[in-house]
Amino acid sequence: MHLPFIQAWAEVVKRVWMDQETKDFLLALESRLEEKLGAKFDAKLSAFEERFDARLQELETRVRAHAEEVETRLLTEFWKWARTSEMKERRNSGNLASLDERLSSLEERVRDLEMRRPRP
């Protein structure tokens, strides 16, 4: 957050209050620090990336397994629902056939009664 200010102040200090020998020493020190810390940072970053990739792979595997489990559960429940719905439909079809038969019989009886009765 304060890094740009600090870097700017360091540049001012280098230009105004330092002699060439101090500047050269600080530049060499900065270079050595960058080499040592840069290599360590790169190694740690590489290790972090490997761990991150491994965990991401594990997460993807778990998500796929969970999705497959949910899919299986849903398909099982839909199958159960369809089976019971089909059974109900068959039962209702049987009931409708019976009702159709009774209705036909009643219509026939009413027609017979209407034919016997004289009309005014």
PDB file of N, CA and C in Angstrom:
ATOM      1  N   MET A   1       0.820  -1.181   0.000  1.00  0.00           N
ATOM      2  CA  MET A   1       0.000   0.000   0.000  1.00  0.00           C
ATOM      3  C   MET A   1       0.873   1.257   0.000  1.00  0.00           C
ATOM      4  N   HIS A   2       1.937   1.254   0.824  1.00  0.00           N
ATOM      5  CA  HIS A   2       2.842   2.395   0.895  1.00  0.00           C
ATOM      6  C   HIS A   2       4.042   2.193  -0.003  1.00  0.00           C
ATOM      7  N   LEU A   3       4.076   1.109  -0.752  1.00  0.00           N
ATOM      8  CA  LEU A   3       5.231   0.753  -1.551  1.00  0.00           C
ATOM      9  C   LEU A   3       5.599   1.814  -2.581  1.00  0.00           C
ATOM     10  N   PRO A   4       4.693   2.378  -3.359  1.00  0.00           N
ATOM     11  CA  PRO A   4       5.091   3.414  -4.322  1.00  0.00           C
ATOM     12  C   PRO A   4       5.734   4.623  -3.647  1.00  0.00           C
ATOM     13  N   PHE A   5       5.204   5.019  -2.485  1.00  0.00           N
ATOM     14  CA  PHE A   5       5.780   6.146  -1.756  1.00  0.00           C
ATOM     15  C   PHE A   5       7.200   5.814  -1.288  1.00  0.00           C
ATOM     16  N   ILE A   6       7.363   4.598  -0.760  1.00  0.00           N
ATOM     17  CA  ILE A   6       8.681   4.182  -0.258  1.00  0.00           C
ATOM     18  C   ILE A   6       9.678   4.107  -1.406  1.00  0.00           C
ATOM     19  N   GLN A   7       9.244   3.539  -2.537  1.00  0.00           N
ATOM     20  CA  GLN A   7      10.151   3.454  -3.685  1.00  0.00           C
ATOM     21  C   GLN A   7      10.535   4.854  -4.176  1.00  0.00           C
ATOM     22  N   ALA A   8       9.577   5.749  -4.229  1.00  0.00           N
ATOM     23  CA  ALA A   8       9.872   7.115  -4.678  1.00  0.00           C
ATOM     24  C   ALA A   8      10.839   7.795  -3.718  1.00  0.00           C
ATOM     25  N   TRP A   9      10.646   7.626  -2.435  1.00  0.00           N
ATOM     26  CA  TRP A   9      11.527   8.233  -1.424  1.00  0.00           C
ATOM     27  C   TRP A   9      12.930   7.638  -1.534  1.00  0.00           C
ATOM     28  N   ALA A  10      13.007   6.339  -1.774  1.00  0.00           N
ATOM     29  CA  ALA A  10      14.313   5.694  -1.921  1.00  0.00           C
ATOM     30  C   ALA A  10      15.057   6.266  -3.118  1.00  0.00           C
ATOM     31  N   GLU A  11      14.362   6.537  -4.196  1.00  0.00           N
ATOM     32  CA  GLU A  11      14.991   7.134  -5.373  1.00  0.00           C
ATOM     33  C   GLU A  11      15.528   8.530  -5.064  1.00  0.00           C
ATOM     34  N   VAL A  12      14.749   9.297  -4.325  1.00  0.00           N
ATOM     35  CA  VAL A  12      15.190  10.652  -3.951  1.00  0.00           C
ATOM     36  C   VAL A  12      16.444  10.567  -3.083  1.00  0.00           C
ATOM     37  N   VAL A  13      16.423   9.654  -2.098  1.00  0.00           N
ATOM     38  CA  VAL A  13      17.582   9.503  -1.208  1.00  0.00           C
ATOM     39  C   VAL A  13      18.799   9.094  -2.007  1.00  0.00           C
ATOM     40  N   LYS A  14      18.634   8.161  -2.943  1.00  0.00           N
ATOM     41  CA  LYS A  14      19.763   7.703  -3.761  1.00  0.00           C
ATOM     42  C   LYS A  14      20.373   8.864  -4.543  1.00  0.00           C
ATOM     43  N   ARG A  15      19.518   9.689  -5.137  1.00  0.00           N
ATOM     44  CA  ARG A  15      20.014  10.777  -5.981  1.00  0.00           C
ATOM     45  C   ARG A  15      20.669  11.903  -5.180  1.00  0.00           C
ATOM     46  N   VAL A  16      20.125  12.197  -4.019  1.00  0.00           N
ATOM     47  CA  VAL A  16      20.554  13.399  -3.302  1.00  0.00           C
ATOM     48  C   VAL A  16      21.642  13.121  -2.265  1.00  0.00           C
ATOM     49  N   TRP A  17      21.469  12.118  -1.399  1.00  0.00           N
ATOM     50  CA  TRP A  17      22.343  11.991  -0.241  1.00  0.00           C
ATOM     51  C   TRP A  17      23.377  10.887  -0.327  1.00  0.00           C
ATOM     52  N   MET A  18      23.476  10.185  -1.419  1.00  0.00           N
ATOM     53  CA  MET A  18      24.426   9.081  -1.473  1.00  0.00           C
ATOM     54  C   MET A  18      25.542   9.360  -2.461  1.00  0.00           C
ATOM     55  N   ASP A  19      26.719   8.895  -2.045  1.00  0.00           N
ATOM     56  CA  ASP A  19      27.822   8.976  -2.991  1.00  0.00           C
ATOM     57  C   ASP A  19      27.799   7.731  -3.885  1.00  0.00           C
ATOM     58  N   GLN A  20      28.638   7.690  -4.906  1.00  0.00           N
ATOM     59  CA  GLN A  20      28.605   6.610  -5.885  1.00  0.00           C
ATOM     60  C   GLN A  20      28.943   5.257  -5.258  1.00  0.00           C
ATOM     61  N   GLU A  21      29.846   5.250  -4.306  1.00  0.00           N
ATOM     62  CA  GLU A  21      30.248   3.982  -3.654  1.00  0.00           C
ATOM     63  C   GLU A  21      29.058   3.377  -2.904  1.00  0.00           C
ATOM     64  N   THR A  22      28.307   4.190  -2.198  1.00  0.00           N
ATOM     65  CA  THR A  22      27.132   3.699  -1.464  1.00  0.00           C
ATOM     66  C   THR A  22      26.063   3.216  -2.437  1.00  0.00           C
ATOM     67  N   LYS A  23      25.891   3.955  -3.518  1.00  0.00           N
ATOM     68  CA  LYS A  23      24.912   3.542  -4.524  1.00  0.00           C
ATOM     69  C   LYS A  23      25.287   2.181  -5.106  1.00  0.00           C
ATOM     70  N   ASP A  24      26.580   2.026  -5.448  1.00  0.00           N
ATOM     71  CA  ASP A  24      27.036   0.755  -6.016  1.00  0.00           C
ATOM     72  C   ASP A  24      26.846  -0.389  -5.026  1.00  0.00           C
ATOM     73  N   PHE A  25      27.147  -0.124  -3.753  1.00  0.00           N
ATOM     74  CA  PHE A  25      26.981  -1.155  -2.715  1.00  0.00           C
ATOM     75  C   PHE A  25      25.506  -1.567  -2.601  1.00  0.00           C
ATOM     76  N   LEU A  26      24.637  -0.585  -2.555  1.00  0.00           N
ATOM     77  CA  LEU A  26      23.204  -0.872  -2.429  1.00  0.00           C
ATOM     78  C   LEU A  26      22.665  -1.605  -3.664  1.00  0.00           C
ATOM     79  N   LEU A  27      23.130  -1.221  -4.840  1.00  0.00           N
ATOM     80  CA  LEU A  27      22.702  -1.909  -6.059  1.00  0.00           C
ATOM     81  C   LEU A  27      23.158  -3.364  -6.054  1.00  0.00           C
ATOM     82  N   ALA A  28      24.395  -3.591  -5.611  1.00  0.00           N
ATOM     83  CA  ALA A  28      24.906  -4.961  -5.536  1.00  0.00           C
ATOM     84  C   ALA A  28      24.115  -5.763  -4.501  1.00  0.00           C
ATOM     85  N   LEU A  29      23.829  -5.139  -3.364  1.00  0.00           N
ATOM     86  CA  LEU A  29      23.046  -5.793  -2.316  1.00  0.00           C
ATOM     87  C   LEU A  29      21.646  -6.141  -2.836  1.00  0.00           C
ATOM     88  N   GLU A  30      21.048  -5.182  -3.527  1.00  0.00           N
ATOM     89  CA  GLU A  30      19.719  -5.421  -4.088  1.00  0.00           C
ATOM     90  C   GLU A  30      19.753  -6.573  -5.089  1.00  0.00           C
ATOM     91  N   SER A  31      20.789  -6.603  -5.894  1.00  0.00           N
ATOM     92  CA  SER A  31      20.922  -7.666  -6.887  1.00  0.00           C
ATOM     93  C   SER A  31      21.080  -9.031  -6.224  1.00  0.00           C
ATOM     94  N   ARG A  32      21.923  -9.108  -5.189  1.00  0.00           N
ATOM     95  CA  ARG A  32      22.114 -10.388  -4.469  1.00  0.00           C
ATOM     96  C   ARG A  32      20.818 -10.833  -3.789  1.00  0.00           C
ATOM     97  N   LEU A  33      20.113  -9.878  -3.182  1.00  0.00           N
ATOM     98  CA  LEU A  33      18.840 -10.210  -2.531  1.00  0.00           C
ATOM     99  C   LEU A  33      17.826 -10.725  -3.548  1.00  0.00           C
ATOM    100  N   GLU A  34      17.766 -10.063  -4.703  1.00  0.00           N
ATOM    101  CA  GLU A  34      16.836 -10.514  -5.737  1.00  0.00           C
ATOM    102  C   GLU A  34      17.172 -11.925  -6.204  1.00  0.00           C
ATOM    103  N   GLU A  35      18.463 -12.217  -6.347  1.00  0.00           N
ATOM    104  CA  GLU A  35      18.867 -13.558  -6.783  1.00  0.00           C
ATOM    105  C   GLU A  35      18.462 -14.617  -5.759  1.00  0.00           C
ATOM    106  N   LYS A  36      18.815 -14.370  -4.496  1.00  0.00           N
ATOM    107  CA  LYS A  36      18.528 -15.351  -3.443  1.00  0.00           C
ATOM    108  C   LYS A  36      17.035 -15.466  -3.177  1.00  0.00           C
ATOM    109  N   LEU A  37      16.401 -14.327  -2.964  1.00  0.00           N
ATOM    110  CA  LEU A  37      14.968 -14.354  -2.660  1.00  0.00           C
ATOM    111  C   LEU A  37      14.147 -14.766  -3.869  1.00  0.00           C
ATOM    112  N   GLY A  38      14.578 -14.348  -5.035  1.00  0.00           N
ATOM    113  CA  GLY A  38      13.863 -14.717  -6.249  1.00  0.00           C
ATOM    114  C   GLY A  38      13.850 -16.222  -6.456  1.00  0.00           C
ATOM    115  N   ALA A  39      14.988 -16.867  -6.244  1.00  0.00           N
ATOM    116  CA  ALA A  39      15.066 -18.321  -6.405  1.00  0.00           C
ATOM    117  C   ALA A  39      14.197 -19.020  -5.358  1.00  0.00           C
ATOM    118  N   LYS A  40      14.253 -18.529  -4.110  1.00  0.00           N
ATOM    119  CA  LYS A  40      13.423 -19.123  -3.060  1.00  0.00           C
ATOM    120  C   LYS A  40      11.939 -18.909  -3.369  1.00  0.00           C
ATOM    121  N   PHE A  41      11.640 -17.687  -3.794  1.00  0.00           N
ATOM    122  CA  PHE A  41      10.250 -17.377  -4.118  1.00  0.00           C
ATOM    123  C   PHE A  41       9.751 -18.258  -5.261  1.00  0.00           C
ATOM    124  N   ASP A  42      10.580 -18.406  -6.293  1.00  0.00           N
ATOM    125  CA  ASP A  42      10.186 -19.245  -7.429  1.00  0.00           C
ATOM    126  C   ASP A  42       9.969 -20.687  -6.995  1.00  0.00           C
ATOM    127  N   ALA A  43      10.829 -21.190  -6.110  1.00  0.00           N
ATOM    128  CA  ALA A  43      10.685 -22.570  -5.624  1.00  0.00           C
ATOM    129  C   ALA A  43       9.404 -22.714  -4.807  1.00  0.00           C
ATOM    130  N   LYS A  44       9.166 -21.748  -3.930  1.00  0.00           N
ATOM    131  CA  LYS A  44       7.948 -21.813  -3.114  1.00  0.00           C
ATOM    132  C   LYS A  44       6.699 -21.660  -3.987  1.00  0.00           C
ATOM    133  N   LEU A  45       6.758 -20.783  -4.964  1.00  0.00           N
ATOM    134  CA  LEU A  45       5.628 -20.601  -5.865  1.00  0.00           C
ATOM    135  C   LEU A  45       5.362 -21.874  -6.664  1.00  0.00           C
ATOM    136  N   SER A  46       6.418 -22.511  -7.109  1.00  0.00           N
ATOM    137  CA  SER A  46       6.271 -23.757  -7.855  1.00  0.00           C
ATOM    138  C   SER A  46       5.651 -24.846  -6.982  1.00  0.00           C
ATOM    139  N   ALA A  47       6.114 -24.946  -5.734  1.00  0.00           N
ATOM    140  CA  ALA A  47       5.551 -25.940  -4.806  1.00  0.00           C
ATOM    141  C   ALA A  47       4.082 -25.632  -4.526  1.00  0.00           C
ATOM    142  N   PHE A  48       3.785 -24.356  -4.353  1.00  0.00           N
ATOM    143  CA  PHE A  48       2.394 -23.963  -4.115  1.00  0.00           C
ATOM    144  C   PHE A  48       1.520 -24.324  -5.313  1.00  0.00           C
ATOM    145  N   GLU A  49       2.004 -24.037  -6.510  1.00  0.00           N
ATOM    146  CA  GLU A  49       1.239 -24.361  -7.712  1.00  0.00           C
ATOM    147  C   GLU A  49       0.976 -25.866  -7.813  1.00  0.00           C
ATOM    148  N   GLU A  50       1.973 -26.667  -7.472  1.00  0.00           N
ATOM    149  CA  GLU A  50       1.788 -28.127  -7.513  1.00  0.00           C
ATOM    150  C   GLU A  50       0.732 -28.572  -6.503  1.00  0.00           C
ATOM    151  N   ARG A  51       0.819 -28.038  -5.277  1.00  0.00           N
ATOM    152  CA  ARG A  51      -0.183 -28.384  -4.270  1.00  0.00           C
ATOM    153  C   ARG A  51      -1.568 -27.916  -4.692  1.00  0.00           C
ATOM    154  N   PHE A  52      -1.629 -26.711  -5.242  1.00  0.00           N
ATOM    155  CA  PHE A  52      -2.906 -26.160  -5.695  1.00  0.00           C
ATOM    156  C   PHE A  52      -3.504 -27.023  -6.805  1.00  0.00           C
ATOM    157  N   ASP A  53      -2.675 -27.402  -7.765  1.00  0.00           N
ATOM    158  CA  ASP A  53      -3.158 -28.246  -8.864  1.00  0.00           C
ATOM    159  C   ASP A  53      -3.652 -29.587  -8.349  1.00  0.00           C
ATOM    160  N   ALA A  54      -2.925 -30.182  -7.387  1.00  0.00           N
ATOM    161  CA  ALA A  54      -3.339 -31.469  -6.828  1.00  0.00           C
ATOM    162  C   ALA A  54      -4.684 -31.329  -6.103  1.00  0.00           C
ATOM    163  N   ARG A  55      -4.819 -30.284  -5.321  1.00  0.00           N
ATOM    164  CA  ARG A  55      -6.085 -30.079  -4.602  1.00  0.00           C
ATOM    165  C   ARG A  55      -7.229 -29.789  -5.555  1.00  0.00           C
ATOM    166  N   LEU A  56      -6.952 -29.021  -6.590  1.00  0.00           N
ATOM    167  CA  LEU A  56      -7.975 -28.733  -7.586  1.00  0.00           C
ATOM    168  C   LEU A  56      -8.420 -30.022  -8.274  1.00  0.00           C
ATOM    169  N   GLN A  57      -7.468 -30.889  -8.584  1.00  0.00           N
ATOM    170  CA  GLN A  57      -7.792 -32.175  -9.200  1.00  0.00           C
ATOM    171  C   GLN A  57      -8.651 -33.020  -8.255  1.00  0.00           C
ATOM    172  N   GLU A  58      -8.296 -33.049  -6.970  1.00  0.00           N
ATOM    173  CA  GLU A  58      -9.088 -33.782  -5.981  1.00  0.00           C
ATOM    174  C   GLU A  58     -10.512 -33.224  -5.903  1.00  0.00           C
ATOM    175  N   LEU A  59     -10.607 -31.905  -5.906  1.00  0.00           N
ATOM    176  CA  LEU A  59     -11.922 -31.259  -5.842  1.00  0.00           C
ATOM    177  C   LEU A  59     -12.762 -31.621  -7.065  1.00  0.00           C
ATOM    178  N   GLU A  60     -12.156 -31.579  -8.236  1.00  0.00           N
ATOM    179  CA  GLU A  60     -12.885 -31.942  -9.454  1.00  0.00           C
ATOM    180  C   GLU A  60     -13.370 -33.391  -9.384  1.00  0.00           C
ATOM    181  N   THR A  61     -12.521 -34.273  -8.872  1.00  0.00           N
ATOM    182  CA  THR A  61     -12.904 -35.680  -8.747  1.00  0.00           C
ATOM    183  C   THR A  61     -14.073 -35.833  -7.789  1.00  0.00           C
ATOM    184  N   ARG A  62     -14.025 -35.145  -6.654  1.00  0.00           N
ATOM    185  CA  ARG A  62     -15.116 -35.224  -5.681  1.00  0.00           C
ATOM    186  C   ARG A  62     -16.405 -34.650  -6.250  1.00  0.00           C
ATOM    187  N   VAL A  63     -16.307 -33.537  -6.975  1.00  0.00           N
ATOM    188  CA  VAL A  63     -17.506 -32.925  -7.557  1.00  0.00           C
ATOM    189  C   VAL A  63     -18.120 -33.857  -8.594  1.00  0.00           C
ATOM    190  N   ARG A  64     -17.282 -34.468  -9.418  1.00  0.00           N
ATOM    191  CA  ARG A  64     -17.814 -35.418 -10.407  1.00  0.00           C
ATOM    192  C   ARG A  64     -18.492 -36.598  -9.730  1.00  0.00           C
ATOM    193  N   ALA A  65     -17.858 -37.138  -8.688  1.00  0.00           N
ATOM    194  CA  ALA A  65     -18.447 -38.276  -7.969  1.00  0.00           C
ATOM    195  C   ALA A  65     -19.778 -37.874  -7.335  1.00  0.00           C
ATOM    196  N   HIS A  66     -19.817 -36.693  -6.747  1.00  0.00           N
ATOM    197  CA  HIS A  66     -21.053 -36.221  -6.127  1.00  0.00           C
ATOM    198  C   HIS A  66     -22.149 -36.020  -7.177  1.00  0.00           C
ATOM    199  N   ALA A  67     -21.782 -35.439  -8.305  1.00  0.00           N
ATOM    200  CA  ALA A  67     -22.763 -35.221  -9.376  1.00  0.00           C
ATOM    201  C   ALA A  67     -23.308 -36.556  -9.875  1.00  0.00           C
ATOM    202  N   GLU A  68     -22.442 -37.538 -10.001  1.00  0.00           N
ATOM    203  CA  GLU A  68     -22.887 -38.862 -10.444  1.00  0.00           C
ATOM    204  C   GLU A  68     -23.820 -39.493  -9.411  1.00  0.00           C
ATOM    205  N   GLU A  69     -23.499 -39.318  -8.141  1.00  0.00           N
ATOM    206  CA  GLU A  69     -24.347 -39.860  -7.077  1.00  0.00           C
ATOM    207  C   GLU A  69     -25.731 -39.196  -7.085  1.00  0.00           C
ATOM    208  N   VAL A  70     -25.748 -37.884  -7.241  1.00  0.00           N
ATOM    209  CA  VAL A  70     -27.023 -37.153  -7.286  1.00  0.00           C
ATOM    210  C   VAL A  70     -27.827 -37.589  -8.504  1.00  0.00           C
ATOM    211  N   GLU A  71     -27.156 -37.718  -9.622  1.00  0.00           N
ATOM    212  CA  GLU A  71     -27.837 -38.152 -10.846  1.00  0.00           C
ATOM    213  C   GLU A  71     -28.459 -39.541 -10.658  1.00  0.00           C
ATOM    214  N   THR A  72     -27.711 -40.445 -10.035  1.00  0.00           N
ATOM    215  CA  THR A  72     -28.229 -41.793  -9.793  1.00  0.00           C
ATOM    216  C   THR A  72     -29.443 -41.751  -8.875  1.00  0.00           C
ATOM    217  N   ARG A  73     -29.359 -40.958  -7.835  1.00  0.00           N
ATOM    218  CA  ARG A  73     -30.496 -40.837  -6.911  1.00  0.00           C
ATOM    219  C   ARG A  73     -31.729 -40.285  -7.618  1.00  0.00           C
ATOM    220  N   LEU A  74     -31.524 -39.241  -8.411  1.00  0.00           N
ATOM    221  CA  LEU A  74     -32.649 -38.642  -9.132  1.00  0.00           C
ATOM    222  C   LEU A  74     -33.282 -39.640 -10.099  1.00  0.00           C
ATOM    223  N   LEU A  75     -32.448 -40.335 -10.850  1.00  0.00           N
ATOM    224  CA  LEU A  75     -32.987 -41.309 -11.802  1.00  0.00           C
ATOM    225  C   LEU A  75     -33.745 -42.423 -11.084  1.00  0.00           C
ATOM    226  N   THR A  76     -33.221 -42.851  -9.934  1.00  0.00           N
ATOM    227  CA  THR A  76     -33.904 -43.895  -9.157  1.00  0.00           C
ATOM    228  C   THR A  76     -35.264 -43.404  -8.686  1.00  0.00           C
ATOM    229  N   GLU A  77     -35.309 -42.189  -8.167  1.00  0.00           N
ATOM    230  CA  GLU A  77     -36.573 -41.648  -7.678  1.00  0.00           C
ATOM    231  C   GLU A  77     -37.563 -41.420  -8.811  1.00  0.00           C
ATOM    232  N   PHE A  78     -37.098 -40.938  -9.955  1.00  0.00           N
ATOM    233  CA  PHE A  78     -37.993 -40.775 -11.100  1.00  0.00           C
ATOM    234  C   PHE A  78     -38.543 -42.119 -11.564  1.00  0.00           C
ATOM    235  N   TRP A  79     -37.696 -43.126 -11.548  1.00  0.00           N
ATOM    236  CA  TRP A  79     -38.140 -44.455 -11.952  1.00  0.00           C
ATOM    237  C   TRP A  79     -39.227 -44.965 -11.002  1.00  0.00           C
ATOM    238  N   LYS A  80     -39.006 -44.777  -9.695  1.00  0.00           N
ATOM    239  CA  LYS A  80     -40.019 -45.190  -8.709  1.00  0.00           C
ATOM    240  C   LYS A  80     -41.330 -44.438  -8.949  1.00  0.00           C
ATOM    241  N   TRP A  81     -41.221 -43.138  -9.167  1.00  0.00           N
ATOM    242  CA  TRP A  81     -42.416 -42.329  -9.391  1.00  0.00           C
ATOM    243  C   TRP A  81     -43.140 -42.798 -10.642  1.00  0.00           C
ATOM    244  N   ALA A  82     -42.393 -43.044 -11.718  1.00  0.00           N
ATOM    245  CA  ALA A  82     -43.013 -43.479 -12.969  1.00  0.00           C
ATOM    246  C   ALA A  82     -43.697 -44.832 -12.795  1.00  0.00           C
ATOM    247  N   ARG A  83     -43.056 -45.722 -12.054  1.00  0.00           N
ATOM    248  CA  ARG A  83     -43.640 -47.045 -11.844  1.00  0.00           C
ATOM    249  C   ARG A  83     -44.961 -46.945 -11.084  1.00  0.00           C
ATOM    250  N   THR A  84     -44.994 -46.174 -10.016  1.00  0.00           N
ATOM    251  CA  THR A  84     -46.242 -46.035  -9.250  1.00  0.00           C
ATOM    252  C   THR A  84     -47.292 -45.288 -10.066  1.00  0.00           C
ATOM    253  N   SER A  85     -46.874 -44.294 -10.845  1.00  0.00           N
ATOM    254  CA  SER A  85     -47.829 -43.570 -11.686  1.00  0.00           C
ATOM    255  C   SER A  85     -48.425 -44.497 -12.730  1.00  0.00           C
ATOM    256  N   GLU A  86     -47.610 -45.352 -13.279  1.00  0.00           N
ATOM    257  CA  GLU A  86     -48.111 -46.305 -14.275  1.00  0.00           C
ATOM    258  C   GLU A  86     -49.107 -47.275 -13.644  1.00  0.00           C
ATOM    259  N   MET A  87     -48.793 -47.733 -12.428  1.00  0.00           N
ATOM    260  CA  MET A  87     -49.722 -48.627 -11.736  1.00  0.00           C
ATOM    261  C   MET A  87     -51.055 -47.923 -11.479  1.00  0.00           C
ATOM    262  N   LYS A  88     -50.998 -46.663 -11.047  1.00  0.00           N
ATOM    263  CA  LYS A  88     -52.227 -45.894 -10.805  1.00  0.00           C
ATOM    264  C   LYS A  88     -53.000 -45.707 -12.099  1.00  0.00           C
ATOM    265  N   GLU A  89     -52.300 -45.438 -13.183  1.00  0.00           N
ATOM    266  CA  GLU A  89     -52.951 -45.244 -14.469  1.00  0.00           C
ATOM    267  C   GLU A  89     -53.667 -46.519 -14.911  1.00  0.00           C
ATOM    268  N   ARG A  90     -53.003 -47.655 -14.741  1.00  0.00           N
ATOM    269  CA  ARG A  90     -53.641 -48.930 -15.095  1.00  0.00           C
ATOM    270  C   ARG A  90     -54.904 -49.161 -14.258  1.00  0.00           C
ATOM    271  N   ARG A  91     -54.774 -48.890 -12.961  1.00  0.00           N
ATOM    272  CA  ARG A  91     -55.929 -49.067 -12.079  1.00  0.00           C
ATOM    273  C   ARG A  91     -57.065 -48.137 -12.504  1.00  0.00           C
ATOM    274  N   ASN A  92     -56.712 -46.886 -12.795  1.00  0.00           N
ATOM    275  CA  ASN A  92     -57.728 -45.922 -13.220  1.00  0.00           C
ATOM    276  C   ASN A  92     -58.315 -46.311 -14.579  1.00  0.00           C
ATOM    277  N   SER A  93     -57.508 -46.865 -15.458  1.00  0.00           N
ATOM    278  CA  SER A  93     -58.027 -47.321 -16.753  1.00  0.00           C
ATOM    279  C   SER A  93     -59.039 -48.430 -16.544  1.00  0.00           C
ATOM    280  N   GLY A  94     -58.719 -49.338 -15.618  1.00  0.00           N
ATOM    281  CA  GLY A  94     -59.666 -50.406 -15.296  1.00  0.00           C
ATOM    282  C   GLY A  94     -60.946 -49.843 -14.724  1.00  0.00           C
ATOM    283  N   ASN A  95     -60.813 -48.866 -13.846  1.00  0.00           N
ATOM    284  CA  ASN A  95     -61.997 -48.229 -13.265  1.00  0.00           C
ATOM    285  C   ASN A  95     -62.812 -47.509 -14.339  1.00  0.00           C
ATOM    286  N   LEU A  96     -62.147 -46.847 -15.262  1.00  0.00           N
ATOM    287  CA  LEU A  96     -62.860 -46.151 -16.333  1.00  0.00           C
ATOM    288  C   LEU A  96     -63.591 -47.140 -17.238  1.00  0.00           C
ATOM    289  N   ALA A  97     -62.940 -48.269 -17.513  1.00  0.00           N
ATOM    290  CA  ALA A  97     -63.605 -49.279 -18.342  1.00  0.00           C
ATOM    291  C   ALA A  97     -64.868 -49.767 -17.647  1.00  0.00           C
ATOM    292  N   SER A  98     -64.761 -49.978 -16.351  1.00  0.00           N
ATOM    293  CA  SER A  98     -65.918 -50.424 -15.576  1.00  0.00           C
ATOM    294  C   SER A  98     -67.014 -49.363 -15.587  1.00  0.00           C
ATOM    295  N   LEU A  99     -66.629 -48.099 -15.412  1.00  0.00           N
ATOM    296  CA  LEU A  99     -67.600 -47.002 -15.438  1.00  0.00           C
ATOM    297  C   LEU A  99     -68.232 -46.863 -16.823  1.00  0.00           C
ATOM    298  N   ASP A 100     -67.438 -47.040 -17.855  1.00  0.00           N
ATOM    299  CA  ASP A 100     -67.984 -46.991 -19.218  1.00  0.00           C
ATOM    300  C   ASP A 100     -69.029 -48.088 -19.428  1.00  0.00           C
ATOM    301  N   GLU A 101     -68.730 -49.265 -18.921  1.00  0.00           N
ATOM    302  CA  GLU A 101     -69.671 -50.380 -19.031  1.00  0.00           C
ATOM    303  C   GLU A 101     -70.976 -50.053 -18.315  1.00  0.00           C
ATOM    304  N   ARG A 102     -70.858 -49.543 -17.093  1.00  0.00           N
ATOM    305  CA  ARG A 102     -72.050 -49.208 -16.316  1.00  0.00           C
ATOM    306  C   ARG A 102     -72.842 -48.093 -16.986  1.00  0.00           C
ATOM    307  N   LEU A 103     -72.147 -47.103 -17.523  1.00  0.00           N
ATOM    308  CA  LEU A 103     -72.817 -45.995 -18.199  1.00  0.00           C
ATOM    309  C   LEU A 103     -73.557 -46.506 -19.438  1.00  0.00           C
ATOM    310  N   SER A 104     -72.920 -47.371 -20.187  1.00  0.00           N
ATOM    311  CA  SER A 104     -73.583 -47.954 -21.365  1.00  0.00           C
ATOM    312  C   SER A 104     -74.831 -48.719 -20.960  1.00  0.00           C
ATOM    313  N   SER A 105     -74.707 -49.476 -19.892  1.00  0.00           N
ATOM    314  CA  SER A 105     -75.859 -50.239 -19.401  1.00  0.00           C
ATOM    315  C   SER A 105     -76.990 -49.306 -18.989  1.00  0.00           C
ATOM    316  N   LEU A 106     -76.652 -48.243 -18.275  1.00  0.00           N
ATOM    317  CA  LEU A 106     -77.671 -47.277 -17.842  1.00  0.00           C
ATOM    318  C   LEU A 106     -78.299 -46.569 -19.042  1.00  0.00           C
ATOM    319  N   GLU A 107     -77.478 -46.209 -20.010  1.00  0.00           N
ATOM    320  CA  GLU A 107     -78.024 -45.560 -21.208  1.00  0.00           C
ATOM    321  C   GLU A 107     -78.995 -46.490 -21.925  1.00  0.00           C
ATOM    322  N   GLU A 108     -78.639 -47.758 -21.986  1.00  0.00           N
ATOM    323  CA  GLU A 108     -79.498 -48.746 -22.625  1.00  0.00           C
ATOM    324  C   GLU A 108     -80.822 -48.883 -21.881  1.00  0.00           C
ATOM    325  N   ARG A 109     -80.758 -48.937 -20.572  1.00  0.00           N
ATOM    326  CA  ARG A 109     -81.980 -49.054 -19.757  1.00  0.00           C
ATOM    327  C   ARG A 109     -82.866 -47.824 -19.910  1.00  0.00           C
ATOM    328  N   VAL A 110     -82.233 -46.631 -19.908  1.00  0.00           N
ATOM    329  CA  VAL A 110     -83.006 -45.401 -20.071  1.00  0.00           C
ATOM    330  C   VAL A 110     -83.653 -45.383 -21.447  1.00  0.00           C
ATOM    331  N   ARG A 111     -82.943 -45.759 -22.472  1.00  0.00           N
ATOM    332  CA  ARG A 111     -83.494 -45.805 -23.820  1.00  0.00           C
ATOM    333  C   ARG A 111     -84.688 -46.769 -23.899  1.00  0.00           C
ATOM    334  N   ASP A 112     -84.510 -47.973 -23.239  1.00  0.00           N
ATOM    335  CA  ASP A 112     -85.612 -48.941 -23.211  1.00  0.00           C
ATOM    336  C   ASP A 112     -86.832 -48.359 -22.496  1.00  0.00           C
ATOM    337  N   LEU A 113     -86.606 -47.673 -21.391  1.00  0.00           N
ATOM    338  CA  LEU A 113     -87.715 -47.065 -20.652  1.00  0.00           C
ATOM    339  C   LEU A 113     -88.396 -45.972 -21.473  1.00  0.00           C
ATOM    340  N   GLU A 114     -87.598 -45.183 -22.157  1.00  0.00           N
ATOM    341  CA  GLU A 114     -88.176 -44.116 -22.968  1.00  0.00           C
ATOM    342  C   GLU A 114     -88.994 -44.679 -24.122  1.00  0.00           C
ATOM    343  N   MET A 115     -88.617 -45.799 -24.670  1.00  0.00           N
ATOM    344  CA  MET A 115     -89.347 -46.395 -25.781  1.00  0.00           C
ATOM    345  C   MET A 115     -90.679 -47.015 -25.327  1.00  0.00           C
ATOM    346  N   ARG A 116     -90.726 -47.499 -24.140  1.00  0.00           N
ATOM    347  CA  ARG A 116     -91.971 -48.098 -23.622  1.00  0.00           C
ATOM    348  C   ARG A 116     -93.002 -47.050 -23.266  1.00  0.00           C
ATOM    349  N   ARG A 117     -92.626 -45.950 -22.853  1.00  0.00           N
ATOM    350  CA  ARG A 117     -93.523 -44.925 -22.367  1.00  0.00           C
ATOM    351  C   ARG A 117     -94.159 -44.195 -23.532  1.00  0.00           C
ATOM    352  N   PRO A 118     -95.442 -44.075 -23.487  1.00  0.00           N
ATOM    353  CA  PRO A 118     -96.107 -43.347 -24.562  1.00  0.00           C
ATOM    354  C   PRO A 118     -95.838 -41.847 -24.436  1.00  0.00           C
ATOM    355  N   ARG A 119     -95.766 -41.224 -25.539  1.00  0.00           N
ATOM    356  CA  ARG A 119     -95.491 -39.776 -25.545  1.00  0.00           C
ATOM    357  C   ARG A 119     -96.778 -39.031 -25.761  1.00  0.00           C
ATOM    358  N   PRO A 120     -96.973 -37.964 -25.073  1.00  0.00           N
ATOM    359  CA  PRO A 120     -98.213 -37.192 -25.241  1.00  0.00           C
ATOM    360  C   PRO A 120     -98.244 -36.383 -26.499  1.00  0.00           C
TER     361      PRO A 120
END
